[in-house]
Protein backbone atom coordinates (compact mmCIF):
# COMPACT_ATOMS: atom_id res chain seq x y z
CA MET A 1 107.50 62.72 119.38
CA LYS A 2 106.94 63.05 115.89
CA ARG A 3 103.41 63.41 116.28
CA ALA A 4 103.52 66.13 119.09
CA SER A 5 105.97 67.97 116.91
CA ASP A 6 103.64 68.00 113.85
CA SER A 7 100.92 69.19 116.14
CA SER A 8 103.00 72.18 117.32
CA VAL A 9 103.75 73.06 113.84
CA VAL A 10 99.87 72.81 112.70
CA TYR A 11 98.82 75.09 115.76
CA LYS A 12 101.52 77.62 115.14
CA ARG A 13 100.75 77.71 111.51
CA ASP A 14 97.06 78.21 112.11
CA SER A 15 97.43 80.77 114.77
CA ASP A 16 99.80 82.90 112.74
CA TYR A 17 97.26 82.48 109.74
CA SER A 18 94.57 84.11 112.04
CA LEU A 19 96.87 86.85 113.27
CA GLN A 20 98.94 87.71 110.27
CA LEU A 21 97.23 90.71 108.95
CA ASN A 22 96.86 92.18 112.35
CA ARG A 23 100.67 91.66 112.87
CA TRP A 24 101.30 93.63 109.45
CA PHE A 25 99.03 96.54 110.42
CA LEU A 26 100.16 96.92 114.09
CA LYS A 27 103.96 96.50 113.95
CA PRO A 28 104.60 99.43 111.68
CA ILE A 29 103.04 101.76 114.33
CA GLY A 30 104.48 99.92 117.35
CA ALA A 31 101.22 98.78 118.88
CA TRP A 32 101.85 94.86 118.33
CA PRO A 33 102.34 93.56 121.73
CA GLU A 34 105.93 92.56 122.17
CA LEU A 35 107.58 90.06 124.69
CA SER A 36 109.15 91.31 128.05
CA THR A 37 112.13 89.09 127.05
CA HIS A 38 113.10 91.13 124.02
CA SER A 39 116.31 92.97 124.10
CA THR A 40 116.76 96.68 125.33
CA THR A 41 117.59 97.81 121.88
CA ARG A 42 114.30 96.43 120.39
CA ASN A 43 112.21 98.09 123.03
CA ILE A 44 114.14 101.29 122.45
CA LEU A 45 113.32 100.99 118.63
CA ILE A 46 109.80 100.34 119.52
CA ASN A 47 109.37 103.35 121.80
CA VAL A 48 111.18 105.71 119.10
CA LEU A 49 108.81 104.31 116.38
CA ARG A 50 105.73 105.17 118.84
CA ILE A 51 107.19 108.68 119.32
CA MET A 52 107.53 109.16 115.72
CA CYS A 53 103.74 108.18 114.88
CA HIS A 54 102.44 110.51 117.71
CA SER A 55 104.55 113.46 116.10
CA LEU A 56 103.37 112.59 112.92
CA ILE A 57 99.66 112.68 114.01
CA ALA A 58 100.39 116.02 116.01
CA PHE A 59 102.12 117.40 113.02
CA ALA A 60 98.69 117.04 110.98
CA VAL A 61 96.23 118.02 113.66
CA ILE A 62 97.80 120.93 115.66
CA PRO A 63 98.46 123.22 112.73
CA SER A 64 94.97 122.37 111.28
CA ILE A 65 93.42 123.51 114.65
CA LEU A 66 95.29 126.61 114.63
CA TYR A 67 94.23 127.32 110.97
CA ILE A 68 90.52 126.69 111.76
CA PHE A 69 90.47 129.00 114.72
CA PHE A 70 93.04 131.81 114.07
CA GLU A 71 93.55 131.92 110.29
CA GLU A 72 90.76 131.21 108.25
CA LYS A 73 87.64 133.69 108.43
CA ASP A 74 85.54 132.05 105.70
CA PHE A 75 82.96 129.75 107.28
CA ARG A 76 82.72 127.50 104.50
CA LEU A 77 86.27 126.88 104.09
CA LYS A 78 86.57 126.26 107.96
CA LEU A 79 83.78 123.55 107.47
CA LYS A 80 86.01 122.08 104.59
CA ALA A 81 89.04 121.87 106.97
CA ILE A 82 87.23 120.45 109.87
CA GLY A 83 86.58 117.10 108.16
CA PRO A 84 90.26 116.05 107.52
CA THR A 85 91.20 117.32 110.72
CA SER A 86 88.66 115.18 113.05
CA HIS A 87 89.83 112.22 111.17
CA CYS A 88 93.31 112.57 112.01
CA LEU A 89 92.17 113.56 115.61
CA MET A 90 90.30 110.34 115.87
CA GLY A 91 93.23 108.51 114.77
CA GLY A 92 95.41 109.75 117.23
CA ILE A 93 92.83 109.18 120.24
CA ASN A 94 92.49 105.43 119.02
CA TYR A 95 96.26 105.12 118.75
CA CYS A 96 96.52 105.99 122.38
CA SER A 97 93.75 103.43 123.15
CA LEU A 98 95.49 100.87 121.34
CA LEU A 99 98.84 101.50 123.27
CA TYR A 100 97.00 101.77 126.47
CA HIS A 101 95.50 98.47 125.94
CA ASN A 102 98.71 96.83 124.53
CA ASN A 103 98.85 94.30 127.62
CA ARG A 104 95.25 93.29 127.23
CA ILE A 105 95.74 92.81 123.50
CA GLY A 106 98.76 90.69 124.19
CA ARG A 107 96.78 88.47 126.78
CA SER A 108 94.18 88.14 124.04
CA ILE A 109 96.47 87.08 121.61
CA GLU A 110 98.06 84.30 123.98
CA HIS A 111 94.44 83.26 124.79
CA MET A 112 94.06 82.54 120.96
CA GLU A 113 97.51 80.57 120.71
CA LEU A 114 96.12 78.45 123.48
CA ASP A 115 92.81 77.70 122.05
CA TRP A 116 94.74 76.68 118.82
CA ARG A 117 96.67 74.38 120.75
CA LEU A 118 93.79 72.91 122.52
CA ALA A 119 92.08 72.19 119.25
CA ASN A 120 93.06 68.63 118.99
CA LYS A 121 90.07 67.54 116.79
CA GLU A 122 90.17 67.89 113.08
CA HIS A 123 86.54 68.94 112.84
CA ASN A 124 86.94 71.54 115.50
CA ARG A 125 90.07 72.99 113.82
CA LYS A 126 88.38 73.27 110.58
CA MET A 127 85.58 75.19 112.15
CA MET A 128 88.10 77.54 113.73
CA LEU A 129 89.87 77.88 110.33
CA ARG A 130 86.66 79.03 108.65
CA ASN A 131 85.97 81.58 111.33
CA ALA A 132 89.50 82.90 111.04
CA ARG A 133 89.31 83.25 107.16
CA VAL A 134 86.36 85.35 107.45
CA GLY A 135 88.02 87.60 109.99
CA ARG A 136 91.19 87.87 107.60
CA VAL A 137 88.71 88.86 104.69
CA ILE A 138 87.18 91.61 106.70
CA ALA A 139 90.53 92.93 108.02
CA GLY A 140 91.72 92.81 104.45
CA VAL A 141 88.70 94.57 102.80
CA CYS A 142 88.71 97.27 105.32
CA ALA A 143 92.46 97.85 104.81
CA LEU A 144 91.90 98.01 101.03
CA ILE A 145 89.01 100.29 101.15
CA MET A 146 90.28 102.71 103.91
CA GLN A 147 93.93 103.08 102.65
CA GLY A 148 92.83 103.03 98.95
CA GLY A 149 89.93 105.86 99.47
CA VAL A 150 92.37 108.21 101.48
CA PHE A 151 95.48 107.62 99.17
CA CYS A 152 93.16 108.54 96.21
CA TYR A 153 91.93 111.89 98.33
CA ASN A 154 95.80 112.75 99.08
CA LEU A 155 96.46 112.29 95.34
CA ALA A 156 93.60 114.35 94.06
CA ARG A 157 94.39 117.04 96.48
CA GLY A 158 97.99 117.18 95.54
CA LEU A 159 97.29 117.16 91.84
CA SER A 160 94.45 119.98 91.97
CA PRO A 161 96.46 123.06 92.89
CA ILE A 162 94.81 126.48 93.65
CA ILE A 163 95.38 129.00 90.79
CA MET A 164 95.30 132.77 91.95
CA THR A 165 95.86 135.94 89.96
CA ILE A 166 97.54 138.67 92.02
CA GLY A 167 97.56 141.73 89.55
CA ASN A 168 99.05 140.69 86.20
CA GLU A 169 100.65 137.39 87.77
CA THR A 170 99.14 134.14 87.97
CA ILE A 171 100.44 132.09 91.04
CA THR A 172 99.74 128.27 91.57
CA ILE A 173 99.42 127.17 95.10
CA GLY A 174 99.57 123.65 96.07
CA ARG A 175 96.84 122.07 98.30
CA LEU A 176 97.29 119.91 101.30
CA PRO A 177 95.34 117.12 102.55
CA CYS A 178 94.91 118.80 105.88
CA PRO A 179 95.07 122.64 106.23
CA SER A 180 98.28 124.23 107.72
CA PHE A 181 98.63 127.35 109.87
CA ASN A 182 100.70 129.58 107.41
CA LYS A 183 101.62 132.35 110.06
CA ILE A 184 104.29 129.92 111.60
CA VAL A 185 105.32 128.33 108.45
CA ASP A 186 104.35 129.33 104.84
CA THR A 187 103.53 126.06 103.20
CA ARG A 188 102.10 127.70 99.93
CA PHE A 189 105.23 127.83 98.18
CA SER A 190 108.09 125.36 97.29
CA PRO A 191 110.16 123.50 98.85
CA VAL A 192 108.24 123.91 102.04
CA TYR A 193 104.91 122.76 100.59
CA GLU A 194 106.47 119.50 99.20
CA VAL A 195 108.07 118.69 102.77
CA VAL A 196 104.71 119.44 104.39
CA LEU A 197 102.76 117.45 102.00
CA VAL A 198 105.11 114.29 102.36
CA LEU A 199 104.74 114.55 106.26
CA GLN A 200 101.08 114.75 106.09
CA CYS A 201 100.74 111.82 103.90
CA LEU A 202 102.95 109.74 106.51
CA SER A 203 100.80 111.13 109.16
CA ILE A 204 97.60 109.98 107.33
CA VAL A 205 98.93 106.57 106.57
CA VAL A 206 99.63 106.12 110.40
CA VAL A 207 96.12 107.33 111.18
CA ASN A 208 94.48 104.84 108.43
CA ASN A 209 96.72 102.03 109.87
CA VAL A 210 95.40 102.91 113.29
CA THR A 211 91.68 102.53 112.17
CA VAL A 212 92.28 99.46 110.06
CA SER A 213 94.21 97.94 112.88
CA ALA A 214 91.35 98.43 115.42
CA CYS A 215 88.72 97.21 112.88
CA GLY A 216 90.96 94.21 112.04
CA LEU A 217 91.56 93.39 115.75
CA ALA A 218 87.85 93.59 116.33
CA ALA A 219 86.91 91.50 113.55
CA VAL A 220 89.70 88.59 113.99
CA PHE A 221 88.85 88.53 117.81
CA THR A 222 85.11 88.49 117.33
CA MET A 223 85.36 85.66 114.84
CA HIS A 224 87.63 83.54 116.85
CA ALA A 225 85.44 84.02 119.67
CA CYS A 226 82.48 82.81 117.67
CA GLY A 227 84.56 79.86 116.42
CA GLN A 228 85.09 78.87 120.18
CA LEU A 229 81.13 79.16 120.88
CA ASN A 230 80.43 77.09 117.73
CA VAL A 231 82.85 74.39 119.18
CA VAL A 232 80.82 74.50 122.37
CA ILE A 233 77.55 74.14 120.53
CA LEU A 234 78.97 71.27 118.63
CA ARG A 235 80.27 69.51 121.91
CA LEU A 236 76.54 70.14 123.42
CA GLU A 237 75.05 68.32 120.24
CA GLU A 238 77.75 65.38 120.66
CA LEU A 239 76.81 65.08 124.75
CA VAL A 240 73.62 62.96 124.39
CA ASP A 241 75.37 60.37 122.17
CA GLU A 242 77.83 59.66 124.96
CA LYS A 243 76.28 56.73 126.89
CA ARG A 244 78.44 56.37 129.95
CA GLU A 245 77.49 58.83 132.75
CA VAL A 246 81.21 59.39 133.91
CA LEU A 247 82.16 60.55 130.34
CA GLN A 248 79.21 62.63 130.16
CA SER A 249 80.44 64.50 133.22
CA LEU A 250 83.65 65.01 131.87
CA LYS A 251 82.26 66.16 128.67
CA LEU A 252 80.09 68.75 130.31
CA MET A 253 83.17 69.93 132.26
CA ASP A 254 84.89 70.57 129.23
CA ILE A 255 81.91 72.35 127.67
CA VAL A 256 81.59 74.72 130.60
CA GLU A 257 85.21 75.24 130.61
CA ARG A 258 85.40 76.34 126.91
CA HIS A 259 82.15 78.27 127.40
CA LEU A 260 83.51 80.21 130.24
CA ARG A 261 87.16 80.76 128.23
CA ALA A 262 85.05 82.20 125.38
CA LEU A 263 82.99 84.48 127.44
CA LYS A 264 86.28 85.62 129.37
CA PHE A 265 87.89 86.33 125.93
CA LEU A 266 84.83 88.42 124.76
CA SER A 267 84.86 90.28 128.10
CA ARG A 268 88.40 91.37 127.44
CA MET A 269 87.70 92.27 123.96
CA GLU A 270 84.78 94.47 124.95
CA ALA A 271 87.20 96.36 127.50
CA ILE A 272 89.76 96.91 124.70
CA MET A 273 87.11 97.96 121.85
CA ARG A 274 84.66 100.15 124.11
CA GLN A 275 86.75 103.40 123.84
CA ILE A 276 87.59 102.77 120.11
CA CYS A 277 83.96 101.96 119.36
CA PHE A 278 83.01 105.17 121.25
CA VAL A 279 85.28 107.38 118.96
CA GLU A 280 84.55 105.67 115.70
CA LEU A 281 80.59 105.87 116.48
CA VAL A 282 80.69 109.70 117.35
CA GLY A 283 83.52 110.44 114.77
CA SER A 284 81.96 108.50 111.83
CA THR A 285 78.77 110.49 112.57
CA PHE A 286 80.19 113.66 112.20
CA ASN A 287 82.51 112.56 109.34
CA LEU A 288 79.83 111.11 107.14
CA CYS A 289 77.81 114.32 107.58
CA MET A 290 80.86 116.36 106.69
CA LEU A 291 81.61 114.30 103.56
CA GLY A 292 78.16 114.28 102.39
CA TYR A 293 78.21 118.08 102.83
CA TYR A 294 81.42 118.41 100.78
CA THR A 295 80.07 116.25 98.04
CA ILE A 296 76.78 118.18 97.64
CA THR A 297 77.81 121.77 98.08
CA GLU A 298 81.11 121.49 96.10
CA TRP A 299 79.87 119.54 93.16
CA GLN A 300 80.47 122.37 90.68
CA GLU A 301 83.65 123.55 92.43
CA GLU A 302 85.71 120.76 92.72
CA SER A 303 87.25 118.40 89.96
CA ILE A 304 85.43 115.25 89.18
CA ASN A 305 88.39 113.34 90.76
CA THR A 306 87.89 114.97 94.02
CA ILE A 307 84.30 114.19 94.19
CA ILE A 308 84.88 110.56 93.29
CA THR A 309 87.54 110.35 96.16
CA TYR A 310 85.00 112.05 98.36
CA VAL A 311 82.52 109.08 97.66
CA MET A 312 85.39 106.60 98.14
CA VAL A 313 86.41 107.81 101.56
CA LEU A 314 82.52 108.00 102.36
CA THR A 315 82.17 104.57 101.47
CA GLY A 316 85.28 103.29 103.53
CA MET A 317 83.77 105.15 106.68
CA MET A 318 80.40 103.53 106.22
CA PHE A 319 81.92 100.33 105.89
CA ASN A 320 84.16 100.68 108.93
CA ILE A 321 81.40 101.58 111.26
CA PHE A 322 79.37 99.00 109.70
CA ILE A 323 81.89 96.34 110.73
CA PHE A 324 81.83 97.58 114.34
CA CYS A 325 78.33 97.44 114.55
CA PHE A 326 78.06 93.94 112.76
CA ILE A 327 80.54 92.46 115.05
CA GLY A 328 78.57 93.73 118.19
CA GLU A 329 75.54 91.99 116.80
CA LEU A 330 77.40 89.02 115.94
CA VAL A 331 78.57 88.56 119.47
CA THR A 332 75.20 89.10 120.91
CA GLU A 333 73.64 86.42 118.62
CA GLN A 334 76.38 83.87 119.21
CA CYS A 335 76.08 84.03 122.87
CA LYS A 336 72.24 83.43 122.82
CA LYS A 337 73.06 80.38 120.48
CA VAL A 338 74.91 78.62 123.14
CA GLY A 339 71.67 78.68 125.42
CA GLU A 340 69.42 77.86 122.59
CA ALA A 341 71.54 74.77 121.51
CA ALA A 342 71.69 73.47 125.15
CA TYR A 343 67.91 73.74 125.22
CA MET A 344 67.44 72.07 121.72
CA THR A 345 69.48 68.98 122.68
CA ASN A 346 67.75 65.66 123.58
CA TRP A 347 68.22 66.68 127.37
CA TYR A 348 65.38 64.43 128.49
CA TYR A 349 67.72 61.27 127.67
CA LEU A 350 70.37 62.61 129.87
CA PRO A 351 70.81 61.94 133.75
CA HIS A 352 69.37 64.40 135.96
CA LYS A 353 72.70 65.81 137.24
CA THR A 354 73.70 66.55 133.86
CA VAL A 355 70.56 68.29 133.02
CA LEU A 356 71.18 70.54 136.04
CA GLY A 357 74.49 71.61 134.38
CA LEU A 358 72.66 72.26 131.26
CA ILE A 359 70.15 74.50 132.96
CA LEU A 360 73.38 76.51 134.58
CA ILE A 361 74.60 76.95 130.74
CA ILE A 362 71.21 78.19 129.75
CA LEU A 363 71.03 80.56 132.38
CA ARG A 364 74.58 81.83 131.89
CA SER A 365 73.89 82.27 128.09
CA LYS A 366 70.91 84.59 129.04
CA THR A 367 73.13 87.26 130.24
CA VAL A 368 74.90 88.16 127.07
CA ILE A 369 78.23 90.06 126.55
CA LYS A 370 77.57 93.23 124.39
CA ILE A 371 80.26 95.27 122.54
CA THR A 372 79.54 98.92 123.65
CA ALA A 373 80.58 102.27 122.67
CA GLY A 374 82.04 103.68 125.97
CA LYS A 375 79.50 101.51 127.83
CA ILE A 376 76.81 103.88 126.50
CA PHE A 377 75.66 102.61 123.04
CA HIS A 378 75.24 98.99 122.04
CA MET A 379 77.08 98.32 118.69
CA SER A 380 74.57 96.64 116.59
CA ILE A 381 72.91 96.73 113.38
CA PRO A 382 70.05 99.11 114.62
CA THR A 383 72.95 101.20 115.99
CA PHE A 384 74.30 101.38 112.49
CA GLY A 385 70.86 102.86 111.16
CA VAL A 386 70.88 105.44 113.76
CA VAL A 387 74.29 106.64 112.88
CA ILE A 388 73.25 107.07 108.96
CA ARG A 389 70.20 108.83 109.96
CA THR A 390 71.79 111.20 112.65
CA SER A 391 74.37 112.02 109.96
CA VAL A 392 71.71 112.86 107.30
CA THR A 393 69.94 114.94 109.99
CA TYR A 394 73.04 116.88 110.74
CA LEU A 395 73.63 117.38 106.90
CA ASN A 396 70.01 118.86 106.25
CA MET A 397 70.77 120.93 109.35
CA LEU A 398 74.20 122.07 108.15
CA ARG A 399 72.73 122.90 104.56
CA ALA A 400 69.95 124.91 105.79
CA LEU A 401 72.36 127.03 107.81
CA THR A 402 74.89 127.58 105.04
CA MET A 403 73.06 127.52 101.99
């Protein structure tokens, strides 16, 4: 009984270790999958939290769209307003995707917990822990870069007001992270400006949390699946060492079961991520172009602090889309490695029936699972290169049209 209790404590600790950062990111925005057995009061509080997050995102997006279409007449100022607006709009769409796939995310988390419970061998558990550590690092770095860069941008905007001279009077007007439609509520003067600034900052925190949560989930799920596939490869290498045919058959059955579990997990992850990846791919291409345009065209107009924050946000977005492309590449390569490992074993020492089982594993591994953006684009390192090239192309076109 003591050993069973210790094993239960270990698997819960390891499972919590792999998912801890994701829980911290998802719970504040009400997107962490909750048990159906929770109290009615708790479910109501979660729904209220979700409504608040939706309202904050809408508070930033809707006035910005109205400002772009109905208030601002200068084309360059419209372009300057489009970047922050599109970032918030992307966050709103991804937030809806996370909530829509909440049940799938919950099943994936339960799948991970069961995998940790089944890791009864020490070397398998250590291998899974190494992959979990990589997933945590990626999620943490993404959070640090995205939240840090956008926080600095908001701070720079708030500390660099616009100074206007009307007649003999000099007026200082505060800047907002996202433009606002002043024909409904005039945000240029106190105390309305301060209230709107705080609400917009909260909105952008929610948007960044959504982006970080999506990236963190993708990283942690991918690294967990890679850990499971590594266990499959390790079991394949151990298969030949077993001399008794009955135990070989049992081991092969265990290998096939683990392989199919990992592939099922990846298929569910692809269903969760395909919409988010599509929004990130299209949105990042556009936003990288706009941030490059802001940095080049406003080098003399903006303060050095604002230019630095542009570069920080640009770096954060490039890192974010690179992670999505990297995990897509990693999943594809890891799926192929299982078939390669099955072929590279000393299969000629195995019985005929066991070899036929290995052939089926090799054939299944040839049909790899790909992380896609809306089932259109394969997320891979070449796709990241396409995003950068496309952004630079659009940037050159935009400069040619406006300068």
